[in-house]
Structures are given as structure tokens and as C-alpha cells.
C-alpha atoms as a PDB file:
ATOM      1  CA  MET A   1      17.664  -5.569   3.040  1.00  0.00           C
ATOM      2  CA  LEU A   2      15.590  -5.861   6.173  1.00  0.00           C
ATOM      3  CA  ALA A   3      12.228  -7.643   6.391  1.00  0.00           C
ATOM      4  CA  PHE A   4       9.556  -6.544   8.827  1.00  0.00           C
ATOM      5  CA  GLN A   5       6.565  -8.602   9.947  1.00  0.00           C
ATOM      6  CA  ASN A   6       3.443  -7.478  11.780  1.00  0.00           C
ATOM      7  CA  HIS A   7       4.154  -3.859  10.979  1.00  0.00           C
ATOM      8  CA  LYS A   8       2.027  -1.157  12.488  1.00  0.00           C
ATOM      9  CA  ALA A   9       1.270   2.240  10.998  1.00  0.00           C
ATOM     10  CA  VAL A  10       4.254   4.335  12.093  1.00  0.00           C
ATOM     11  CA  VAL A  11       4.266   8.106  12.509  1.00  0.00           C
ATOM     12  CA  PRO A  12       7.721   9.725  12.441  1.00  0.00           C
ATOM     13  CA  SER A  13       9.046  10.674  15.879  1.00  0.00           C
ATOM     14  CA  PRO A  14       9.404  14.375  16.732  1.00  0.00           C
ATOM     15  CA  ALA A  15      13.150  14.068  16.030  1.00  0.00           C
ATOM     16  CA  THR A  16      12.460  13.009  12.427  1.00  0.00           C
ATOM     17  CA  ALA A  17      10.468  14.497   9.573  1.00  0.00           C
ATOM     18  CA  SER A  18       8.550  13.201   6.558  1.00  0.00           C
ATOM     19  CA  ILE A  19       7.167  14.778   3.415  1.00  0.00           C
ATOM     20  CA  PHE A  20       3.596  13.678   4.118  1.00  0.00           C
ATOM     21  CA  ALA A  21       3.538  13.981   7.932  1.00  0.00           C
ATOM     22  CA  GLY A  22      -0.117  14.467   8.871  1.00  0.00           C
ATOM     23  CA  VAL A  23      -1.408  13.805   5.327  1.00  0.00           C
ATOM     24  CA  THR A  24      -3.959  11.043   4.683  1.00  0.00           C
ATOM     25  CA  PRO A  25      -4.801   9.797   1.170  1.00  0.00           C
ATOM     26  CA  SER A  26      -8.413  10.069   0.091  1.00  0.00           C
ATOM     27  CA  PHE A  27      -8.286   7.081  -2.295  1.00  0.00           C
ATOM     28  CA  VAL A  28      -6.428   4.182  -0.668  1.00  0.00           C
ATOM     29  CA  ASN A  29      -7.390   0.927  -2.358  1.00  0.00           C
ATOM     30  CA  THR A  30      -6.553   1.469  -5.998  1.00  0.00           C
ATOM     31  CA  THR A  31      -5.700  -1.751  -7.818  1.00  0.00           C
ATOM     32  CA  ASP A  32      -4.214  -2.407 -11.204  1.00  0.00           C
ATOM     33  CA  THR A  33      -3.329  -5.532 -13.153  1.00  0.00           C
ATOM     34  CA  SER A  34       0.160  -4.205 -13.960  1.00  0.00           C
ATOM     35  CA  GLY A  35       3.248  -3.930 -11.791  1.00  0.00           C
ATOM     36  CA  TYR A  36       4.643  -0.438 -11.228  1.00  0.00           C
ATOM     37  CA  GLU A  37       7.227   1.444  -9.218  1.00  0.00           C
ATOM     38  CA  LEU A  38       5.394   4.403  -7.633  1.00  0.00           C
ATOM     39  CA  GLY A  39       7.240   7.402  -6.231  1.00  0.00           C
ATOM     40  CA  THR A  40       7.600  11.001  -5.112  1.00  0.00           C
ATOM     41  CA  HIS A  41      10.244  13.477  -6.362  1.00  0.00           C
ATOM     42  CA  PHE A  42      11.475  15.842  -3.615  1.00  0.00           C
ATOM     43  CA  LYS A  43      14.399  17.909  -2.369  1.00  0.00           C
ATOM     44  CA  THR A  44      15.370  19.046   1.108  1.00  0.00           C
ATOM     45  CA  THR A  45      16.237  22.546   2.264  1.00  0.00           C
ATOM     46  CA  VAL A  46      18.141  21.344   5.358  1.00  0.00           C
ATOM     47  CA  ALA A  47      21.064  18.964   5.832  1.00  0.00           C
ATOM     48  CA  GLY A  48      20.311  15.493   7.151  1.00  0.00           C
ATOM     49  CA  SER A  49      19.864  11.819   6.322  1.00  0.00           C
ATOM     50  CA  VAL A  50      17.108   9.467   5.261  1.00  0.00           C
ATOM     51  CA  VAL A  51      16.884   6.775   7.950  1.00  0.00           C
ATOM     52  CA  GLY A  52      13.750   5.046   6.659  1.00  0.00           C
ATOM     53  CA  LEU A  53      11.221   4.854   3.840  1.00  0.00           C
ATOM     54  CA  ARG A  54       7.460   4.532   4.067  1.00  0.00           C
ATOM     55  CA  TYR A  55       4.302   4.150   2.003  1.00  0.00           C
ATOM     56  CA  TRP A  56       0.551   4.229   2.689  1.00  0.00           C
ATOM     57  CA  LYS A  57      -1.086   0.800   2.860  1.00  0.00           C
ATOM     58  CA  GLY A  58      -4.818   0.242   2.442  1.00  0.00           C
ATOM     59  CA  LEU A  59      -6.872  -2.568   4.001  1.00  0.00           C
ATOM     60  CA  THR A  60      -5.557  -5.408   1.885  1.00  0.00           C
ATOM     61  CA  ALA A  61      -3.639  -8.608   2.418  1.00  0.00           C
ATOM     62  CA  ALA A  62      -0.074  -8.513   3.723  1.00  0.00           C
ATOM     63  CA  GLU A  63       1.819  -7.570   0.572  1.00  0.00           C
ATOM     64  CA  THR A  64       5.606  -7.635   0.541  1.00  0.00           C
ATOM     65  CA  ARG A  65       6.940  -4.344  -0.824  1.00  0.00           C
ATOM     66  CA  THR A  66      10.417  -3.051  -1.540  1.00  0.00           C
ATOM     67  CA  LEU A  67      10.853   0.642  -0.786  1.00  0.00           C
ATOM     68  CA  ARG A  68      13.634   2.555  -2.560  1.00  0.00           C
ATOM     69  CA  LEU A  69      15.510   5.852  -2.363  1.00  0.00           C
ATOM     70  CA  TRP A  70      16.945   7.255  -5.602  1.00  0.00           C
ATOM     71  CA  ARG A  71      18.997  10.272  -6.610  1.00  0.00           C
ATOM     72  CA  TRP A  72      16.992  11.807  -9.445  1.00  0.00           C
ATOM     73  CA  ASN A  73      19.436  12.609 -12.243  1.00  0.00           C
ATOM     74  CA  GLY A  74      16.809  14.586 -14.166  1.00  0.00           C
ATOM     75  CA  GLY A  75      14.372  13.423 -16.834  1.00  0.00           C
ATOM     76  CA  GLU A  76      13.973   9.655 -16.913  1.00  0.00           C
ATOM     77  CA  SER A  77      17.155   8.770 -15.021  1.00  0.00           C
ATOM     78  CA  GLY A  78      17.850   7.910 -11.385  1.00  0.00           C
ATOM     79  CA  THR A  79      20.472   6.122  -9.297  1.00  0.00           C
ATOM     80  CA  GLU A  80      19.265   3.789  -6.539  1.00  0.00           C
ATOM     81  CA  LEU A  81      20.855   4.735  -3.201  1.00  0.00           C
ATOM     82  CA  ALA A  82      19.129   2.378  -0.754  1.00  0.00           C
ATOM     83  CA  SER A  83      16.258  -0.076  -0.369  1.00  0.00           C
ATOM     84  CA  VAL A  84      14.385  -1.946   2.328  1.00  0.00           C
ATOM     85  CA  THR A  85      11.764  -4.703   2.121  1.00  0.00           C
ATOM     86  CA  VAL A  86       8.691  -4.603   4.361  1.00  0.00           C
ATOM     87  CA  ILE A  87       5.979  -7.191   5.051  1.00  0.00           C
ATOM     88  CA  PRO A  88       3.063  -5.412   6.759  1.00  0.00           C
ATOM     89  CA  ALA A  89       0.353  -7.222   8.699  1.00  0.00           C
ATOM     90  CA  THR A  90      -2.998  -8.072   7.103  1.00  0.00           C
ATOM     91  CA  GLY A  91      -5.773  -5.679   8.051  1.00  0.00           C
ATOM     92  CA  VAL A  92      -3.457  -2.814   8.986  1.00  0.00           C
ATOM     93  CA  THR A  93      -4.002   0.484   7.203  1.00  0.00           C
ATOM     94  CA  GLY A  94      -1.794   3.557   7.317  1.00  0.00           C
ATOM     95  CA  TRP A  95       1.879   4.314   6.979  1.00  0.00           C
ATOM     96  CA  VAL A  96       4.193   1.301   6.797  1.00  0.00           C
ATOM     97  CA  THR A  97       7.836   2.122   7.486  1.00  0.00           C
ATOM     98  CA  GLY A  98      11.053   0.243   6.835  1.00  0.00           C
ATOM     99  CA  ASN A  99      14.263   1.391   8.521  1.00  0.00           C
ATOM    100  CA  LEU A 100      17.333   1.547   6.287  1.00  0.00           C
ATOM    101  CA  ALA A 101      20.368  -0.530   7.260  1.00  0.00           C
ATOM    102  CA  SER A 102      22.480   2.661   7.017  1.00  0.00           C
ATOM    103  CA  PRO A 103      21.365   6.317   6.875  1.00  0.00           C
ATOM    104  CA  VAL A 104      21.699   8.046   3.488  1.00  0.00           C
ATOM    105  CA  ALA A 105      22.935  11.654   3.683  1.00  0.00           C
ATOM    106  CA  LEU A 106      21.065  14.042   1.372  1.00  0.00           C
ATOM    107  CA  THR A 107      22.568  17.044  -0.393  1.00  0.00           C
ATOM    108  CA  VAL A 108      20.557  20.234   0.095  1.00  0.00           C
ATOM    109  CA  GLY A 109      18.928  21.270  -3.211  1.00  0.00           C
ATOM    110  CA  GLN A 110      19.478  17.910  -4.980  1.00  0.00           C
ATOM    111  CA  PHE A 111      16.308  16.130  -6.130  1.00  0.00           C
ATOM    112  CA  TYR A 112      15.650  12.604  -4.859  1.00  0.00           C
ATOM    113  CA  THR A 113      12.847  10.092  -5.346  1.00  0.00           C
ATOM    114  CA  ALA A 114      11.250   7.860  -2.724  1.00  0.00           C
ATOM    115  CA  SER A 115       9.418   4.886  -4.252  1.00  0.00           C
ATOM    116  CA  TYR A 116       7.855   1.493  -3.659  1.00  0.00           C
ATOM    117  CA  GLY A 117       7.094  -1.453  -5.908  1.00  0.00           C
ATOM    118  CA  LYS A 118       3.522  -2.554  -6.540  1.00  0.00           C
ATOM    119  CA  ALA A 119       3.201  -5.984  -8.160  1.00  0.00           C
ATOM    120  CA  SER A 120       0.295  -6.977 -10.410  1.00  0.00           C
ATOM    121  CA  GLY A 121      -2.944  -6.971  -8.431  1.00  0.00           C
ATOM    122  CA  GLN A 122      -1.510  -5.213  -5.369  1.00  0.00           C
ATOM    123  CA  SER A 123      -3.285  -2.107  -4.112  1.00  0.00           C
ATOM    124  CA  TYR A 124      -1.870   1.386  -3.679  1.00  0.00           C
ATOM    125  CA  ALA A 125      -2.959   4.836  -2.502  1.00  0.00           C
ATOM    126  CA  ALA A 126      -3.354   7.612  -5.061  1.00  0.00           C
ATOM    127  CA  ASP A 127      -4.822  11.098  -5.256  1.00  0.00           C
ATOM    128  CA  ASN A 128      -5.079  12.717  -8.683  1.00  0.00           C
ATOM    129  CA  TYR A 129      -4.336  16.446  -9.119  1.00  0.00           C
ATOM    130  CA  PHE A 130      -2.342  16.560  -5.865  1.00  0.00           C
ATOM    131  CA  PHE A 131       0.874  17.944  -7.422  1.00  0.00           C
ATOM    132  CA  THR A 132      -0.527  20.518  -9.881  1.00  0.00           C
ATOM    133  CA  SER A 133       2.113  23.015  -8.683  1.00  0.00           C
ATOM    134  CA  PRO A 134       5.311  22.925  -6.600  1.00  0.00           C
ATOM    135  CA  GLN A 135       4.604  22.365  -2.902  1.00  0.00           C
ATOM    136  CA  THR A 136       6.459  22.805   0.368  1.00  0.00           C
ATOM    137  CA  PHE A 137       6.077  20.353   3.253  1.00  0.00           C
ATOM    138  CA  GLY A 138       8.269  21.686   6.069  1.00  0.00           C
ATOM    139  CA  ALA A 139      11.891  21.178   4.974  1.00  0.00           C
ATOM    140  CA  PHE A 140      10.869  19.424   1.725  1.00  0.00           C
ATOM    141  CA  THR A 141       9.913  20.849  -1.654  1.00  0.00           C
ATOM    142  CA  THR A 142       8.238  18.887  -4.436  1.00  0.00           C
ATOM    143  CA  PRO A 143       8.064  19.957  -8.086  1.00  0.00           C
ATOM    144  CA  THR A 144       4.912  20.063 -10.195  1.00  0.00           C
ATOM    145  CA  ASP A 145       3.987  16.463 -11.109  1.00  0.00           C
ATOM    146  CA  ALA A 146       6.107  15.085  -8.239  1.00  0.00           C
ATOM    147  CA  GLY A 147       4.093  11.849  -8.153  1.00  0.00           C
ATOM    148  CA  VAL A 148       5.719   9.457 -10.604  1.00  0.00           C
ATOM    149  CA  TYR A 149       5.475   5.851 -11.725  1.00  0.00           C
ATOM    150  CA  SER A 150       7.414   3.434 -13.907  1.00  0.00           C
ATOM    151  CA  PHE A 151       5.471   1.456 -16.469  1.00  0.00           C
ATOM    152  CA  LEU A 152       8.696  -0.551 -16.957  1.00  0.00           C
ATOM    153  CA  GLY A 153       7.797  -2.510 -13.816  1.00  0.00           C
ATOM    154  CA  VAL A 154       8.711  -2.945 -10.184  1.00  0.00           C
ATOM    155  CA  GLY A 155      12.290  -1.859  -9.439  1.00  0.00           C
ATOM    156  CA  ALA A 156      12.638   0.497 -12.422  1.00  0.00           C
ATOM    157  CA  PHE A 157      13.198   4.206 -11.780  1.00  0.00           C
ATOM    158  CA  PRO A 158       9.799   5.978 -11.738  1.00  0.00           C
ATOM    159  CA  PHE A 159       9.514   8.954 -14.095  1.00  0.00           C
ATOM    160  CA  GLY A 160       6.071   8.718 -15.756  1.00  0.00           C
ATOM    161  CA  LYS A 161       3.384  11.197 -14.778  1.00  0.00           C
ATOM    162  CA  TYR A 162      -0.405  10.832 -14.670  1.00  0.00           C
ATOM    163  CA  GLN A 163      -2.833  13.625 -13.746  1.00  0.00           C
ATOM    164  CA  SER A 164      -0.395  15.215 -11.245  1.00  0.00           C
ATOM    165  CA  SER A 165      -1.060  12.210  -8.967  1.00  0.00           C
ATOM    166  CA  CYS A 166       0.386  11.504  -5.531  1.00  0.00           C
ATOM    167  CA  TYR A 167       1.241   7.864  -4.717  1.00  0.00           C
ATOM    168  CA  TYR A 168       2.287   8.412  -1.083  1.00  0.00           C
ATOM    169  CA  ALA A 169       5.890   7.214  -1.243  1.00  0.00           C
ATOM    170  CA  ASP A 170       7.692   8.985   1.601  1.00  0.00           C
ATOM    171  CA  ILE A 171      10.882   9.212   3.655  1.00  0.00           C
ATOM    172  CA  VAL A 172      11.817   9.310   7.324  1.00  0.00           C
ATOM    173  CA  PHE A 173      14.395  12.114   7.582  1.00  0.00           C
ATOM    174  CA  GLN A 174      16.784  12.852  10.443  1.00  0.00           C
ATOM    175  CA  PRO A 175      17.957  16.492  10.333  1.00  0.00           C
ATOM    176  CA  ALA A 176      21.687  16.987  10.930  1.00  0.00           C
END
């Protein structure tokens, strides 16, 4: 895993793509006393690789987060494919990105999940009723209720759903 300090909000370069490119959460400083893994289910319509993972950070203290990429096996099951740890700077808001040590090739049509861990007391971005139907974001498609969480804690595959919420877990994708 890689650790990053003094991270800035990073927008994907024109050569890469992300699910939420150009999207800004409306509710960015949600807190909770429990630890969760928060994620987004998605699939790609073009061949390529995930080269990084990202999440939206509100104006809170520098909070170490581990970002994960999973192959969604359907239902409540997923296989972790890659992870990266990031340590963003205090006072920075926006997208925080961690580059993967090695790109992960995606299979067109297969569902995957991008996620990040949120420990007890850490903030996160969320918008309820965001995924009330399937959506298309460029080369990416999300199912209804694509925003998922794990009440089993940080590091567990996220599969729970709450009010069709979006938790702004994202990828940095390099088309083939």
C-alpha cells in the first residue's frame, strides 16, 4: 500500500475517466459513531484499467483512509482486488486520490465496487436518493441502489443499502 501526505483535491486527467467526474456532493460532512466501508457498485462499457481510487473529503482533520477495489460477486459477496491508503491534508476539501501500485484490468460488463473505510467519528459525503434508478456516467453504468455500505465495519465488503444513497467512492480509469 502507498501512503500519501499533503494530498490535494485531484481531478482525473483528460486521459483518464471517473464515475463522478464533475459531480460535487451536496452533503459533505456527515459523521457517525460507527465504522463503515462505503462504496459504489459500477461496471464499465469499455476495456481499460483502474489506476487509482478516490473519495470526496469534507473540511475535517487529516483522516487516514484505505480505498479499495472489489469484484462484486453478486448479493453480499465481493473479492478485494486492490487497495491504497491515503492521508489527506487538514483543511483540504474535494476529491482525494490514491494511485494503485499496479493497474487492475476490468472486464467489460462485470460489476465492481469502489469503496473506502470510515472509522468511528470520521466524516463522509453522502447524498440520499441519488441512485433511485440505473445511471450512466460516460463509460460507466451504476445499478439502482449503487451506493452501498458495510455495517460489519471498515474493510468488509459493502453491500447494505440506505435510501438509494451515494457515498462518493470512485475510480480513476485508464481506457485501453
